[in-house]
């Protein structure tokens, strides 16, 4: 799998193993996240997963899934966990990960709007999109100027 430079200090990998149509945005060590959800964070298992993971100050990847998702919360969490493991594998083999790895997993509503891309900010990058569960997501990543030094 190829990891290409992306926006705001992120690197991008398209269609990682086991995630047809998905995308992983990799962040350097020391990156933190602020996740704002307008809507019910329990409207989709992967959104609930990410809301919990964003509380830990070690965000290393944002995974965007293209599939429909699951009505069953347990199956949804298992799938989000597999996606997070794929991202962690990518980080450890392709990006030389250092430190803790926390992975946020989302299912953007690609039928309602274009596939989300990060926008550069003064301190890193941000994503804004409608989630398949109906919530609106605003994710801000603060990327350290000295990756690995945080």
Foldseek 3Di string as FASTA:
>chain_A
DDWADAAFQWIKDAPFPPFVRKIKTFAFWQKAKDKDKADDCVLALLSVLQVVLNVDRTETMEMEGADDHDPDNVVRPVVSVVVQVSVVVCCVPPVVHDDDYGYRYFYFPCVVDPDWGWHHDPQGTWTWGAGSSGMTMIMDMGHDPDGPPD
